[in-house]
């Protein structure tokens, strides 16, 4: 059984929440991805999918949509999880970077590195 579920956050819309305690370093989810070429990006930018895409590829030359819960994790500059690209497996793998308690929202830093506080394409609510 997955240790996560989708719930309303009350602030950001839907989010991903723990359904049990998750320990630091634990694999939370392996999200398969659908990839598209850089040429398709101009079309994706015109759709709602733009907000759910990941850069993809050895040099980030492609775009990916994570299936499963992968594209629904909310952003935080103080995340409790991180994601790693698994190019060979065509997946994005999500890991806990701190202990997460049952019922707690699981967040990632959209800038990939948990310490990267660069601005995003939207206003980050605190």
PDB file of N, CA and C in Angstrom:
ATOM      1  N   UNK A   1       0.839  -1.183   0.000  1.00  0.00           N
ATOM      2  CA  UNK A   1       0.000   0.000   0.000  1.00  0.00           C
ATOM      3  C   UNK A   1       0.886   1.248   0.000  1.00  0.00           C
ATOM      4  N   UNK A   2       0.479   2.234  -0.792  1.00  0.00           N
ATOM      5  CA  UNK A   2       1.218   3.491  -0.850  1.00  0.00           C
ATOM      6  C   UNK A   2       1.170   4.187   0.503  1.00  0.00           C
ATOM      7  N   UNK A   3       2.272   4.816   0.902  1.00  0.00           N
ATOM      8  CA  UNK A   3       2.283   5.557   2.173  1.00  0.00           C
ATOM      9  C   UNK A   3       1.759   6.984   2.008  1.00  0.00           C
ATOM     10  N   UNK A   4       1.057   7.255   0.877  1.00  0.00           N
ATOM     11  CA  UNK A   4       0.622   8.621   0.587  1.00  0.00           C
ATOM     12  C   UNK A   4      -0.795   8.649   0.024  1.00  0.00           C
ATOM     13  N   UNK A   5      -1.400   9.845   0.101  1.00  0.00           N
ATOM     14  CA  UNK A   5      -2.719  10.061  -0.491  1.00  0.00           C
ATOM     15  C   UNK A   5      -2.839  11.520  -0.907  1.00  0.00           C
ATOM     16  N   UNK A   6      -3.850  11.814  -1.706  1.00  0.00           N
ATOM     17  CA  UNK A   6      -4.134  13.191  -2.127  1.00  0.00           C
ATOM     18  C   UNK A   6      -5.211  13.750  -1.217  1.00  0.00           C
ATOM     19  N   UNK A   7      -4.980  14.978  -0.735  1.00  0.00           N
ATOM     20  CA  UNK A   7      -5.980  15.679   0.078  1.00  0.00           C
ATOM     21  C   UNK A   7      -5.918  17.163  -0.254  1.00  0.00           C
ATOM     22  N   UNK A   8      -6.969  17.871   0.097  1.00  0.00           N
ATOM     23  CA  UNK A   8      -6.964  19.330  -0.020  1.00  0.00           C
ATOM     24  C   UNK A   8      -6.074  19.905   1.081  1.00  0.00           C
ATOM     25  N   UNK A   9      -5.266  20.883   0.721  1.00  0.00           N
ATOM     26  CA  UNK A   9      -4.363  21.482   1.698  1.00  0.00           C
ATOM     27  C   UNK A   9      -5.034  22.607   2.476  1.00  0.00           C
ATOM     28  N   UNK A  10      -6.085  23.178   1.909  1.00  0.00           N
ATOM     29  CA  UNK A  10      -6.723  24.321   2.536  1.00  0.00           C
ATOM     30  C   UNK A  10      -6.064  25.629   2.159  1.00  0.00           C
ATOM     31  N   UNK A  11      -4.884  25.561   1.525  1.00  0.00           N
ATOM     32  CA  UNK A  11      -4.145  26.764   1.145  1.00  0.00           C
ATOM     33  C   UNK A  11      -3.686  26.723  -0.309  1.00  0.00           C
ATOM     34  N   UNK A  12      -3.234  25.566  -0.760  1.00  0.00           N
ATOM     35  CA  UNK A  12      -2.652  25.438  -2.095  1.00  0.00           C
ATOM     36  C   UNK A  12      -3.444  24.534  -3.027  1.00  0.00           C
ATOM     37  N   UNK A  13      -4.643  24.153  -2.678  1.00  0.00           N
ATOM     38  CA  UNK A  13      -5.367  23.159  -3.478  1.00  0.00           C
ATOM     39  C   UNK A  13      -4.984  21.766  -3.030  1.00  0.00           C
ATOM     40  N   UNK A  14      -4.848  20.869  -3.988  1.00  0.00           N
ATOM     41  CA  UNK A  14      -4.499  19.492  -3.642  1.00  0.00           C
ATOM     42  C   UNK A  14      -3.031  19.365  -3.287  1.00  0.00           C
ATOM     43  N   UNK A  15      -2.741  18.396  -2.436  1.00  0.00           N
ATOM     44  CA  UNK A  15      -1.373  18.094  -2.061  1.00  0.00           C
ATOM     45  C   UNK A  15      -1.243  16.623  -1.729  1.00  0.00           C
ATOM     46  N   UNK A  16      -0.032  16.191  -1.482  1.00  0.00           N
ATOM     47  CA  UNK A  16       0.259  14.803  -1.149  1.00  0.00           C
ATOM     48  C   UNK A  16       0.558  14.721   0.345  1.00  0.00           C
ATOM     49  N   UNK A  17      -0.075  13.777   1.012  1.00  0.00           N
ATOM     50  CA  UNK A  17       0.043  13.630   2.465  1.00  0.00           C
ATOM     51  C   UNK A  17       0.436  12.201   2.818  1.00  0.00           C
ATOM     52  N   UNK A  18       1.175  12.080   3.911  1.00  0.00           N
ATOM     53  CA  UNK A  18       1.585  10.764   4.409  1.00  0.00           C
ATOM     54  C   UNK A  18       0.401  10.060   5.065  1.00  0.00           C
ATOM     55  N   UNK A  19       0.257   8.773   4.801  1.00  0.00           N
ATOM     56  CA  UNK A  19      -0.785   7.968   5.451  1.00  0.00           C
ATOM     57  C   UNK A  19      -0.200   7.094   6.562  1.00  0.00           C
ATOM     58  N   UNK A  20       1.107   7.266   6.798  1.00  0.00           N
ATOM     59  CA  UNK A  20       1.814   6.611   7.903  1.00  0.00           C
ATOM     60  C   UNK A  20       3.117   7.364   8.096  1.00  0.00           C
ATOM     61  N   UNK A  21       3.820   7.093   9.167  1.00  0.00           N
ATOM     62  CA  UNK A  21       5.126   7.716   9.368  1.00  0.00           C
ATOM     63  C   UNK A  21       6.091   7.240   8.283  1.00  0.00           C
ATOM     64  N   UNK A  22       6.892   8.170   7.770  1.00  0.00           N
ATOM     65  CA  UNK A  22       7.883   7.871   6.740  1.00  0.00           C
ATOM     66  C   UNK A  22       9.233   8.343   7.277  1.00  0.00           C
ATOM     67  N   UNK A  23      10.212   7.483   7.237  1.00  0.00           N
ATOM     68  CA  UNK A  23      11.541   7.780   7.787  1.00  0.00           C
ATOM     69  C   UNK A  23      12.447   8.471   6.765  1.00  0.00           C
ATOM     70  N   UNK A  24      13.376   9.264   7.265  1.00  0.00           N
ATOM     71  CA  UNK A  24      14.381   9.919   6.430  1.00  0.00           C
ATOM     72  C   UNK A  24      15.069   8.880   5.548  1.00  0.00           C
ATOM     73  N   UNK A  25      15.195   9.194   4.263  1.00  0.00           N
ATOM     74  CA  UNK A  25      15.849   8.297   3.318  1.00  0.00           C
ATOM     75  C   UNK A  25      14.929   7.291   2.664  1.00  0.00           C
ATOM     76  N   UNK A  26      13.706   7.158   3.177  1.00  0.00           N
ATOM     77  CA  UNK A  26      12.770   6.161   2.645  1.00  0.00           C
ATOM     78  C   UNK A  26      12.251   6.593   1.273  1.00  0.00           C
ATOM     79  N   UNK A  27      12.165   5.624   0.367  1.00  0.00           N
ATOM     80  CA  UNK A  27      11.553   5.852  -0.933  1.00  0.00           C
ATOM     81  C   UNK A  27      10.055   6.016  -0.729  1.00  0.00           C
ATOM     82  N   UNK A  28       9.518   7.133  -1.184  1.00  0.00           N
ATOM     83  CA  UNK A  28       8.089   7.414  -1.036  1.00  0.00           C
ATOM     84  C   UNK A  28       7.321   6.902  -2.243  1.00  0.00           C
ATOM     85  N   UNK A  29       7.853   7.191  -3.430  1.00  0.00           N
ATOM     86  CA  UNK A  29       7.135   6.827  -4.652  1.00  0.00           C
ATOM     87  C   UNK A  29       8.098   6.787  -5.828  1.00  0.00           C
ATOM     88  N   UNK A  30       7.834   5.880  -6.749  1.00  0.00           N
ATOM     89  CA  UNK A  30       8.474   5.851  -8.054  1.00  0.00           C
ATOM     90  C   UNK A  30       7.392   6.232  -9.056  1.00  0.00           C
ATOM     91  N   UNK A  31       7.548   7.412  -9.662  1.00  0.00           N
ATOM     92  CA  UNK A  31       6.552   7.913 -10.614  1.00  0.00           C
ATOM     93  C   UNK A  31       7.054   7.716 -12.038  1.00  0.00           C
ATOM     94  N   UNK A  32       6.409   6.845 -12.809  1.00  0.00           N
ATOM     95  CA  UNK A  32       6.790   6.744 -14.218  1.00  0.00           C
ATOM     96  C   UNK A  32       6.529   8.079 -14.905  1.00  0.00           C
ATOM     97  N   UNK A  33       7.260   8.366 -15.967  1.00  0.00           N
ATOM     98  CA  UNK A  33       7.076   9.633 -16.671  1.00  0.00           C
ATOM     99  C   UNK A  33       6.724   9.409 -18.136  1.00  0.00           C
ATOM    100  N   UNK A  34       5.995  10.379 -18.664  1.00  0.00           N
ATOM    101  CA  UNK A  34       5.784  10.504 -20.102  1.00  0.00           C
ATOM    102  C   UNK A  34       6.671  11.659 -20.541  1.00  0.00           C
ATOM    103  N   UNK A  35       7.493  11.444 -21.548  1.00  0.00           N
ATOM    104  CA  UNK A  35       8.416  12.487 -21.976  1.00  0.00           C
ATOM    105  C   UNK A  35       8.001  13.059 -23.327  1.00  0.00           C
ATOM    106  N   UNK A  36       8.418  14.282 -23.541  1.00  0.00           N
ATOM    107  CA  UNK A  36       8.220  14.917 -24.839  1.00  0.00           C
ATOM    108  C   UNK A  36       9.463  15.737 -25.160  1.00  0.00           C
ATOM    109  N   UNK A  37       9.647  16.017 -26.422  1.00  0.00           N
ATOM    110  CA  UNK A  37      10.840  16.733 -26.856  1.00  0.00           C
ATOM    111  C   UNK A  37      10.730  18.213 -26.553  1.00  0.00           C
ATOM    112  N   UNK A  38      11.855  18.883 -26.643  1.00  0.00           N
ATOM    113  CA  UNK A  38      11.900  20.328 -26.435  1.00  0.00           C
ATOM    114  C   UNK A  38      10.992  21.053 -27.429  1.00  0.00           C
ATOM    115  N   UNK A  39      10.839  20.506 -28.625  1.00  0.00           N
ATOM    116  CA  UNK A  39       9.979  21.117 -29.637  1.00  0.00           C
ATOM    117  C   UNK A  39       8.513  21.154 -29.203  1.00  0.00           C
ATOM    118  N   UNK A  40       8.108  20.218 -28.365  1.00  0.00           N
ATOM    119  CA  UNK A  40       6.710  20.179 -27.893  1.00  0.00           C
ATOM    120  C   UNK A  40       6.455  21.177 -26.771  1.00  0.00           C
ATOM    121  N   UNK A  41       7.520  21.715 -26.162  1.00  0.00           N
ATOM    122  CA  UNK A  41       7.370  22.604 -25.009  1.00  0.00           C
ATOM    123  C   UNK A  41       6.494  23.803 -25.332  1.00  0.00           C
ATOM    124  N   UNK A  42       6.626  24.373 -26.532  1.00  0.00           N
ATOM    125  CA  UNK A  42       5.833  25.554 -26.890  1.00  0.00           C
ATOM    126  C   UNK A  42       4.341  25.251 -26.877  1.00  0.00           C
ATOM    127  N   UNK A  43       3.973  24.009 -27.118  1.00  0.00           N
ATOM    128  CA  UNK A  43       2.557  23.626 -27.074  1.00  0.00           C
ATOM    129  C   UNK A  43       2.110  23.358 -25.639  1.00  0.00           C
ATOM    130  N   UNK A  44       2.968  22.706 -24.862  1.00  0.00           N
ATOM    131  CA  UNK A  44       2.637  22.423 -23.461  1.00  0.00           C
ATOM    132  C   UNK A  44       2.469  23.703 -22.657  1.00  0.00           C
ATOM    133  N   UNK A  45       3.251  24.741 -22.989  1.00  0.00           N
ATOM    134  CA  UNK A  45       3.165  26.009 -22.264  1.00  0.00           C
ATOM    135  C   UNK A  45       1.781  26.644 -22.367  1.00  0.00           C
ATOM    136  N   UNK A  46       1.021  26.265 -23.362  1.00  0.00           N
ATOM    137  CA  UNK A  46      -0.311  26.827 -23.581  1.00  0.00           C
ATOM    138  C   UNK A  46      -1.398  26.030 -22.865  1.00  0.00           C
ATOM    139  N   UNK A  47      -1.004  25.011 -22.116  1.00  0.00           N
ATOM    140  CA  UNK A  47      -1.981  24.149 -21.443  1.00  0.00           C
ATOM    141  C   UNK A  47      -1.765  24.163 -19.938  1.00  0.00           C
ATOM    142  N   UNK A  48      -2.713  23.602 -19.221  1.00  0.00           N
ATOM    143  CA  UNK A  48      -2.598  23.476 -17.770  1.00  0.00           C
ATOM    144  C   UNK A  48      -1.429  22.547 -17.393  1.00  0.00           C
ATOM    145  N   UNK A  49      -1.028  21.682 -18.299  1.00  0.00           N
ATOM    146  CA  UNK A  49       0.079  20.762 -18.024  1.00  0.00           C
ATOM    147  C   UNK A  49       1.395  21.476 -17.760  1.00  0.00           C
ATOM    148  N   UNK A  50       1.515  22.711 -18.232  1.00  0.00           N
ATOM    149  CA  UNK A  50       2.725  23.505 -18.012  1.00  0.00           C
ATOM    150  C   UNK A  50       3.117  23.545 -16.530  1.00  0.00           C
ATOM    151  N   UNK A  51       2.130  23.650 -15.658  1.00  0.00           N
ATOM    152  CA  UNK A  51       2.383  23.743 -14.217  1.00  0.00           C
ATOM    153  C   UNK A  51       2.757  22.410 -13.576  1.00  0.00           C
ATOM    154  N   UNK A  52       2.714  21.335 -14.329  1.00  0.00           N
ATOM    155  CA  UNK A  52       2.965  20.005 -13.779  1.00  0.00           C
ATOM    156  C   UNK A  52       4.157  19.306 -14.432  1.00  0.00           C
ATOM    157  N   UNK A  53       4.889  20.017 -15.267  1.00  0.00           N
ATOM    158  CA  UNK A  53       6.014  19.431 -16.010  1.00  0.00           C
ATOM    159  C   UNK A  53       7.314  19.495 -15.227  1.00  0.00           C
ATOM    160  N   UNK A  54       8.173  18.542 -15.505  1.00  0.00           N
ATOM    161  CA  UNK A  54       9.547  18.518 -15.010  1.00  0.00           C
ATOM    162  C   UNK A  54      10.470  18.641 -16.217  1.00  0.00           C
ATOM    163  N   UNK A  55      11.606  19.297 -16.044  1.00  0.00           N
ATOM    164  CA  UNK A  55      12.652  19.231 -17.061  1.00  0.00           C
ATOM    165  C   UNK A  55      13.169  17.803 -17.050  1.00  0.00           C
ATOM    166  N   UNK A  56      13.618  17.302 -18.196  1.00  0.00           N
ATOM    167  CA  UNK A  56      13.992  15.895 -18.278  1.00  0.00           C
ATOM    168  C   UNK A  56      15.153  15.709 -19.241  1.00  0.00           C
ATOM    169  N   UNK A  57      15.950  14.696 -19.010  1.00  0.00           N
ATOM    170  CA  UNK A  57      17.037  14.323 -19.908  1.00  0.00           C
ATOM    171  C   UNK A  57      18.391  14.630 -19.294  1.00  0.00           C
ATOM    172  N   UNK A  58      19.417  14.085 -19.892  1.00  0.00           N
ATOM    173  CA  UNK A  58      20.783  14.269 -19.405  1.00  0.00           C
ATOM    174  C   UNK A  58      21.130  15.751 -19.283  1.00  0.00           C
ATOM    175  N   UNK A  59      20.669  16.557 -20.234  1.00  0.00           N
ATOM    176  CA  UNK A  59      20.936  17.998 -20.229  1.00  0.00           C
ATOM    177  C   UNK A  59      19.643  18.799 -20.112  1.00  0.00           C
ATOM    178  N   UNK A  60      18.616  18.183 -19.547  1.00  0.00           N
ATOM    179  CA  UNK A  60      17.306  18.822 -19.370  1.00  0.00           C
ATOM    180  C   UNK A  60      16.732  19.330 -20.691  1.00  0.00           C
ATOM    181  N   UNK A  61      16.963  18.572 -21.751  1.00  0.00           N
ATOM    182  CA  UNK A  61      16.520  18.991 -23.070  1.00  0.00           C
ATOM    183  C   UNK A  61      15.094  18.548 -23.401  1.00  0.00           C
ATOM    184  N   UNK A  62      14.477  17.808 -22.508  1.00  0.00           N
ATOM    185  CA  UNK A  62      13.116  17.320 -22.732  1.00  0.00           C
ATOM    186  C   UNK A  62      12.213  17.746 -21.575  1.00  0.00           C
ATOM    187  N   UNK A  63      10.970  17.398 -21.696  1.00  0.00           N
ATOM    188  CA  UNK A  63       9.974  17.669 -20.667  1.00  0.00           C
ATOM    189  C   UNK A  63       9.350  16.343 -20.258  1.00  0.00           C
ATOM    190  N   UNK A  64       8.954  16.236 -18.994  1.00  0.00           N
ATOM    191  CA  UNK A  64       8.316  15.014 -18.518  1.00  0.00           C
ATOM    192  C   UNK A  64       7.109  15.360 -17.653  1.00  0.00           C
ATOM    193  N   UNK A  65       6.089  14.543 -17.782  1.00  0.00           N
ATOM    194  CA  UNK A  65       4.937  14.581 -16.882  1.00  0.00           C
ATOM    195  C   UNK A  65       5.044  13.331 -16.019  1.00  0.00           C
ATOM    196  N   UNK A  66       5.084  13.526 -14.709  1.00  0.00           N
ATOM    197  CA  UNK A  66       5.163  12.388 -13.791  1.00  0.00           C
ATOM    198  C   UNK A  66       3.765  11.824 -13.576  1.00  0.00           C
ATOM    199  N   UNK A  67       3.640  10.530 -13.726  1.00  0.00           N
ATOM    200  CA  UNK A  67       2.357   9.868 -13.480  1.00  0.00           C
ATOM    201  C   UNK A  67       2.264   9.502 -11.999  1.00  0.00           C
ATOM    202  N   UNK A  68       1.232   8.806 -11.623  1.00  0.00           N
ATOM    203  CA  UNK A  68       1.018   8.532 -10.207  1.00  0.00           C
ATOM    204  C   UNK A  68       0.756   9.845  -9.498  1.00  0.00           C
ATOM    205  N   UNK A  69       1.362  10.028  -8.343  1.00  0.00           N
ATOM    206  CA  UNK A  69       1.212  11.277  -7.586  1.00  0.00           C
ATOM    207  C   UNK A  69       2.295  12.295  -7.934  1.00  0.00           C
ATOM    208  N   UNK A  70       3.250  11.913  -8.755  1.00  0.00           N
ATOM    209  CA  UNK A  70       4.467  12.670  -8.982  1.00  0.00           C
ATOM    210  C   UNK A  70       4.327  14.131  -9.337  1.00  0.00           C
ATOM    211  N   UNK A  71       3.336  14.490 -10.123  1.00  0.00           N
ATOM    212  CA  UNK A  71       3.186  15.887 -10.529  1.00  0.00           C
ATOM    213  C   UNK A  71       2.307  16.685  -9.577  1.00  0.00           C
ATOM    214  N   UNK A  72       1.935  16.097  -8.442  1.00  0.00           N
ATOM    215  CA  UNK A  72       1.013  16.766  -7.511  1.00  0.00           C
ATOM    216  C   UNK A  72       1.646  17.190  -6.187  1.00  0.00           C
ATOM    217  N   UNK A  73       2.935  16.923  -6.002  1.00  0.00           N
ATOM    218  CA  UNK A  73       3.596  17.377  -4.775  1.00  0.00           C
ATOM    219  C   UNK A  73       3.698  18.903  -4.822  1.00  0.00           C
ATOM    220  N   UNK A  74       3.405  19.555  -3.721  1.00  0.00           N
ATOM    221  CA  UNK A  74       3.523  21.007  -3.646  1.00  0.00           C
ATOM    222  C   UNK A  74       4.958  21.412  -3.350  1.00  0.00           C
ATOM    223  N   UNK A  75       5.260  22.663  -3.697  1.00  0.00           N
ATOM    224  CA  UNK A  75       6.587  23.233  -3.496  1.00  0.00           C
ATOM    225  C   UNK A  75       6.755  23.775  -2.079  1.00  0.00           C
ATOM    226  N   UNK A  76       7.984  23.686  -1.578  1.00  0.00           N
ATOM    227  CA  UNK A  76       8.378  24.364  -0.350  1.00  0.00           C
ATOM    228  C   UNK A  76       9.867  24.654  -0.436  1.00  0.00           C
ATOM    229  N   UNK A  77      10.272  25.811   0.110  1.00  0.00           N
ATOM    230  CA  UNK A  77      11.702  26.092   0.232  1.00  0.00           C
ATOM    231  C   UNK A  77      12.295  25.367   1.433  1.00  0.00           C
ATOM    232  N   UNK A  78      11.451  24.745   2.249  1.00  0.00           N
ATOM    233  CA  UNK A  78      11.897  23.889   3.352  1.00  0.00           C
ATOM    234  C   UNK A  78      11.191  22.540   3.218  1.00  0.00           C
ATOM    235  N   UNK A  79      11.527  21.797   2.167  1.00  0.00           N
ATOM    236  CA  UNK A  79      10.817  20.553   1.878  1.00  0.00           C
ATOM    237  C   UNK A  79      11.189  19.420   2.833  1.00  0.00           C
ATOM    238  N   UNK A  80      10.328  18.416   2.876  1.00  0.00           N
ATOM    239  CA  UNK A  80      10.636  17.212   3.650  1.00  0.00           C
ATOM    240  C   UNK A  80      10.910  16.015   2.733  1.00  0.00           C
ATOM    241  N   UNK A  81      10.912  16.275   1.416  1.00  0.00           N
ATOM    242  CA  UNK A  81      11.201  15.225   0.433  1.00  0.00           C
ATOM    243  C   UNK A  81      11.982  15.836  -0.728  1.00  0.00           C
ATOM    244  N   UNK A  82      12.596  14.968  -1.510  1.00  0.00           N
ATOM    245  CA  UNK A  82      13.302  15.392  -2.712  1.00  0.00           C
ATOM    246  C   UNK A  82      13.018  14.390  -3.816  1.00  0.00           C
ATOM    247  N   UNK A  83      13.279  14.808  -5.033  1.00  0.00           N
ATOM    248  CA  UNK A  83      13.095  13.902  -6.158  1.00  0.00           C
ATOM    249  C   UNK A  83      14.411  13.717  -6.889  1.00  0.00           C
ATOM    250  N   UNK A  84      14.542  12.534  -7.475  1.00  0.00           N
ATOM    251  CA  UNK A  84      15.727  12.200  -8.255  1.00  0.00           C
ATOM    252  C   UNK A  84      15.260  11.644  -9.589  1.00  0.00           C
ATOM    253  N   UNK A  85      15.890  12.123 -10.647  1.00  0.00           N
ATOM    254  CA  UNK A  85      15.582  11.618 -11.973  1.00  0.00           C
ATOM    255  C   UNK A  85      16.204  10.243 -12.152  1.00  0.00           C
ATOM    256  N   UNK A  86      15.420   9.289 -12.608  1.00  0.00           N
ATOM    257  CA  UNK A  86      15.913   7.956 -12.923  1.00  0.00           C
ATOM    258  C   UNK A  86      15.741   7.786 -14.434  1.00  0.00           C
ATOM    259  N   UNK A  87      16.715   8.290 -15.173  1.00  0.00           N
ATOM    260  CA  UNK A  87      16.639   8.328 -16.634  1.00  0.00           C
ATOM    261  C   UNK A  87      16.478   6.918 -17.202  1.00  0.00           C
ATOM    262  N   UNK A  88      17.260   5.967 -16.688  1.00  0.00           N
ATOM    263  CA  UNK A  88      17.210   4.593 -17.208  1.00  0.00           C
ATOM    264  C   UNK A  88      15.849   3.942 -16.994  1.00  0.00           C
ATOM    265  N   UNK A  89      15.200   4.251 -15.887  1.00  0.00           N
ATOM    266  CA  UNK A  89      13.905   3.654 -15.538  1.00  0.00           C
ATOM    267  C   UNK A  89      12.724   4.475 -16.060  1.00  0.00           C
ATOM    268  N   UNK A  90      13.008   5.648 -16.644  1.00  0.00           N
ATOM    269  CA  UNK A  90      11.959   6.585 -17.066  1.00  0.00           C
ATOM    270  C   UNK A  90      11.012   6.880 -15.911  1.00  0.00           C
ATOM    271  N   UNK A  91      11.619   7.303 -14.791  1.00  0.00           N
ATOM    272  CA  UNK A  91      10.807   7.624 -13.616  1.00  0.00           C
ATOM    273  C   UNK A  91      11.451   8.768 -12.837  1.00  0.00           C
ATOM    274  N   UNK A  92      10.631   9.377 -11.992  1.00  0.00           N
ATOM    275  CA  UNK A  92      11.111  10.328 -11.001  1.00  0.00           C
ATOM    276  C   UNK A  92      10.841   9.681  -9.659  1.00  0.00           C
ATOM    277  N   UNK A  93      11.895   9.541  -8.860  1.00  0.00           N
ATOM    278  CA  UNK A  93      11.803   8.834  -7.581  1.00  0.00           C
ATOM    279  C   UNK A  93      11.817   9.857  -6.448  1.00  0.00           C
ATOM    280  N   UNK A  94      10.871   9.725  -5.537  1.00  0.00           N
ATOM    281  CA  UNK A  94      10.702  10.666  -4.431  1.00  0.00           C
ATOM    282  C   UNK A  94      11.140  10.014  -3.128  1.00  0.00           C
ATOM    283  N   UNK A  95      12.009  10.723  -2.378  1.00  0.00           N
ATOM    284  CA  UNK A  95      12.564  10.228  -1.116  1.00  0.00           C
ATOM    285  C   UNK A  95      12.333  11.232  -0.003  1.00  0.00           C
ATOM    286  N   UNK A  96      12.138  10.724   1.197  1.00  0.00           N
ATOM    287  CA  UNK A  96      12.031  11.594   2.377  1.00  0.00           C
ATOM    288  C   UNK A  96      13.423  12.098   2.737  1.00  0.00           C
ATOM    289  N   UNK A  97      13.552  13.407   3.003  1.00  0.00           N
ATOM    290  CA  UNK A  97      14.838  13.960   3.451  1.00  0.00           C
ATOM    291  C   UNK A  97      14.771  14.345   4.928  1.00  0.00           C
ATOM    292  N   UNK A  98      13.624  14.120   5.524  1.00  0.00           N
ATOM    293  CA  UNK A  98      13.453  14.236   6.974  1.00  0.00           C
ATOM    294  C   UNK A  98      12.320  13.303   7.353  1.00  0.00           C
ATOM    295  N   UNK A  99      12.196  13.019   8.636  1.00  0.00           N
ATOM    296  CA  UNK A  99      11.083  12.187   9.072  1.00  0.00           C
ATOM    297  C   UNK A  99       9.774  12.913   8.789  1.00  0.00           C
ATOM    298  N   UNK A 100       8.810  12.188   8.254  1.00  0.00           N
ATOM    299  CA  UNK A 100       7.490  12.726   7.925  1.00  0.00           C
ATOM    300  C   UNK A 100       6.475  11.955   8.749  1.00  0.00           C
ATOM    301  N   UNK A 101       5.607  12.670   9.442  1.00  0.00           N
ATOM    302  CA  UNK A 101       4.634  12.005  10.303  1.00  0.00           C
ATOM    303  C   UNK A 101       3.326  11.737   9.567  1.00  0.00           C
ATOM    304  N   UNK A 102       2.619  10.750  10.028  1.00  0.00           N
ATOM    305  CA  UNK A 102       1.304  10.398   9.495  1.00  0.00           C
ATOM    306  C   UNK A 102       0.432  11.650   9.455  1.00  0.00           C
ATOM    307  N   UNK A 103      -0.140  11.951   8.286  1.00  0.00           N
ATOM    308  CA  UNK A 103      -1.010  13.107   8.127  1.00  0.00           C
ATOM    309  C   UNK A 103      -0.306  14.374   7.678  1.00  0.00           C
ATOM    310  N   UNK A 104       1.026  14.397   7.679  1.00  0.00           N
ATOM    311  CA  UNK A 104       1.788  15.588   7.282  1.00  0.00           C
ATOM    312  C   UNK A 104       1.850  15.690   5.762  1.00  0.00           C
ATOM    313  N   UNK A 105       1.783  16.938   5.249  1.00  0.00           N
ATOM    314  CA  UNK A 105       1.943  17.134   3.807  1.00  0.00           C
ATOM    315  C   UNK A 105       3.395  16.876   3.422  1.00  0.00           C
ATOM    316  N   UNK A 106       3.581  16.249   2.264  1.00  0.00           N
ATOM    317  CA  UNK A 106       4.909  15.980   1.715  1.00  0.00           C
ATOM    318  C   UNK A 106       5.172  17.025   0.640  1.00  0.00           C
ATOM    319  N   UNK A 107       6.277  17.749   0.792  1.00  0.00           N
ATOM    320  CA  UNK A 107       6.614  18.809  -0.151  1.00  0.00           C
ATOM    321  C   UNK A 107       8.008  18.610  -0.709  1.00  0.00           C
ATOM    322  N   UNK A 108       8.219  19.174  -1.896  1.00  0.00           N
ATOM    323  CA  UNK A 108       9.522  19.138  -2.561  1.00  0.00           C
ATOM    324  C   UNK A 108       9.888  20.565  -2.971  1.00  0.00           C
ATOM    325  N   UNK A 109      11.148  20.790  -3.244  1.00  0.00           N
ATOM    326  CA  UNK A 109      11.578  22.071  -3.793  1.00  0.00           C
ATOM    327  C   UNK A 109      11.571  21.925  -5.311  1.00  0.00           C
ATOM    328  N   UNK A 110      10.764  22.718  -5.988  1.00  0.00           N
ATOM    329  CA  UNK A 110      10.654  22.620  -7.441  1.00  0.00           C
ATOM    330  C   UNK A 110      11.961  22.951  -8.158  1.00  0.00           C
ATOM    331  N   UNK A 111      12.896  23.570  -7.464  1.00  0.00           N
ATOM    332  CA  UNK A 111      14.192  23.884  -8.058  1.00  0.00           C
ATOM    333  C   UNK A 111      15.135  22.687  -8.052  1.00  0.00           C
ATOM    334  N   UNK A 112      14.664  21.538  -7.676  1.00  0.00           N
ATOM    335  CA  UNK A 112      15.381  20.266  -7.610  1.00  0.00           C
ATOM    336  C   UNK A 112      16.222  20.135  -6.354  1.00  0.00           C
ATOM    337  N   UNK A 113      17.091  21.060  -6.057  1.00  0.00           N
ATOM    338  CA  UNK A 113      17.891  20.993  -4.842  1.00  0.00           C
ATOM    339  C   UNK A 113      17.073  21.528  -3.665  1.00  0.00           C
ATOM    340  N   UNK A 114      17.105  20.823  -2.553  1.00  0.00           N
ATOM    341  CA  UNK A 114      16.327  21.249  -1.386  1.00  0.00           C
ATOM    342  C   UNK A 114      16.805  22.578  -0.815  1.00  0.00           C
ATOM    343  N   UNK A 115      18.035  22.996  -1.137  1.00  0.00           N
ATOM    344  CA  UNK A 115      18.577  24.256  -0.626  1.00  0.00           C
ATOM    345  C   UNK A 115      18.467  25.423  -1.609  1.00  0.00           C
ATOM    346  N   UNK A 116      17.966  25.181  -2.802  1.00  0.00           N
ATOM    347  CA  UNK A 116      17.893  26.219  -3.838  1.00  0.00           C
ATOM    348  C   UNK A 116      16.669  27.103  -3.613  1.00  0.00           C
ATOM    349  N   UNK A 117      16.910  28.367  -3.270  1.00  0.00           N
ATOM    350  CA  UNK A 117      15.795  29.281  -3.002  1.00  0.00           C
ATOM    351  C   UNK A 117      15.572  30.264  -4.157  1.00  0.00           C
ATOM    352  N   UNK A 118      15.962  29.867  -5.366  1.00  0.00           N
ATOM    353  CA  UNK A 118      15.739  30.702  -6.544  1.00  0.00           C
ATOM    354  C   UNK A 118      14.244  30.914  -6.764  1.00  0.00           C
ATOM    355  N   UNK A 119      13.875  32.064  -7.320  1.00  0.00           N
ATOM    356  CA  UNK A 119      12.456  32.330  -7.605  1.00  0.00           C
ATOM    357  C   UNK A 119      11.879  31.310  -8.589  1.00  0.00           C
ATOM    358  N   UNK A 120      10.592  31.090  -8.469  1.00  0.00           N
ATOM    359  CA  UNK A 120       9.874  30.189  -9.373  1.00  0.00           C
ATOM    360  C   UNK A 120       9.016  30.997 -10.327  1.00  0.00           C
ATOM    361  N   UNK A 121       8.269  30.326 -11.176  1.00  0.00           N
ATOM    362  CA  UNK A 121       7.422  30.981 -12.162  1.00  0.00           C
ATOM    363  C   UNK A 121       6.090  31.439 -11.574  1.00  0.00           C
ATOM    364  N   UNK A 122       5.918  31.250 -10.254  1.00  0.00           N
ATOM    365  CA  UNK A 122       4.722  31.692  -9.561  1.00  0.00           C
ATOM    366  C   UNK A 122       5.134  32.251  -8.210  1.00  0.00           C
ATOM    367  N   UNK A 123       4.233  33.025  -7.601  1.00  0.00           N
ATOM    368  CA  UNK A 123       4.515  33.576  -6.275  1.00  0.00           C
ATOM    369  C   UNK A 123       4.384  32.479  -5.227  1.00  0.00           C
ATOM    370  N   UNK A 124       5.404  32.322  -4.427  1.00  0.00           N
ATOM    371  CA  UNK A 124       5.402  31.288  -3.390  1.00  0.00           C
ATOM    372  C   UNK A 124       4.747  31.874  -2.137  1.00  0.00           C
ATOM    373  N   UNK A 125       3.656  31.234  -1.694  1.00  0.00           N
ATOM    374  CA  UNK A 125       2.975  31.659  -0.490  1.00  0.00           C
ATOM    375  C   UNK A 125       3.723  31.124   0.730  1.00  0.00           C
ATOM    376  N   UNK A 126       3.798  31.918   1.755  1.00  0.00           N
ATOM    377  CA  UNK A 126       4.500  31.478   2.977  1.00  0.00           C
ATOM    378  C   UNK A 126       3.483  31.202   4.054  1.00  0.00           C
TER     379      UNK A 126
END
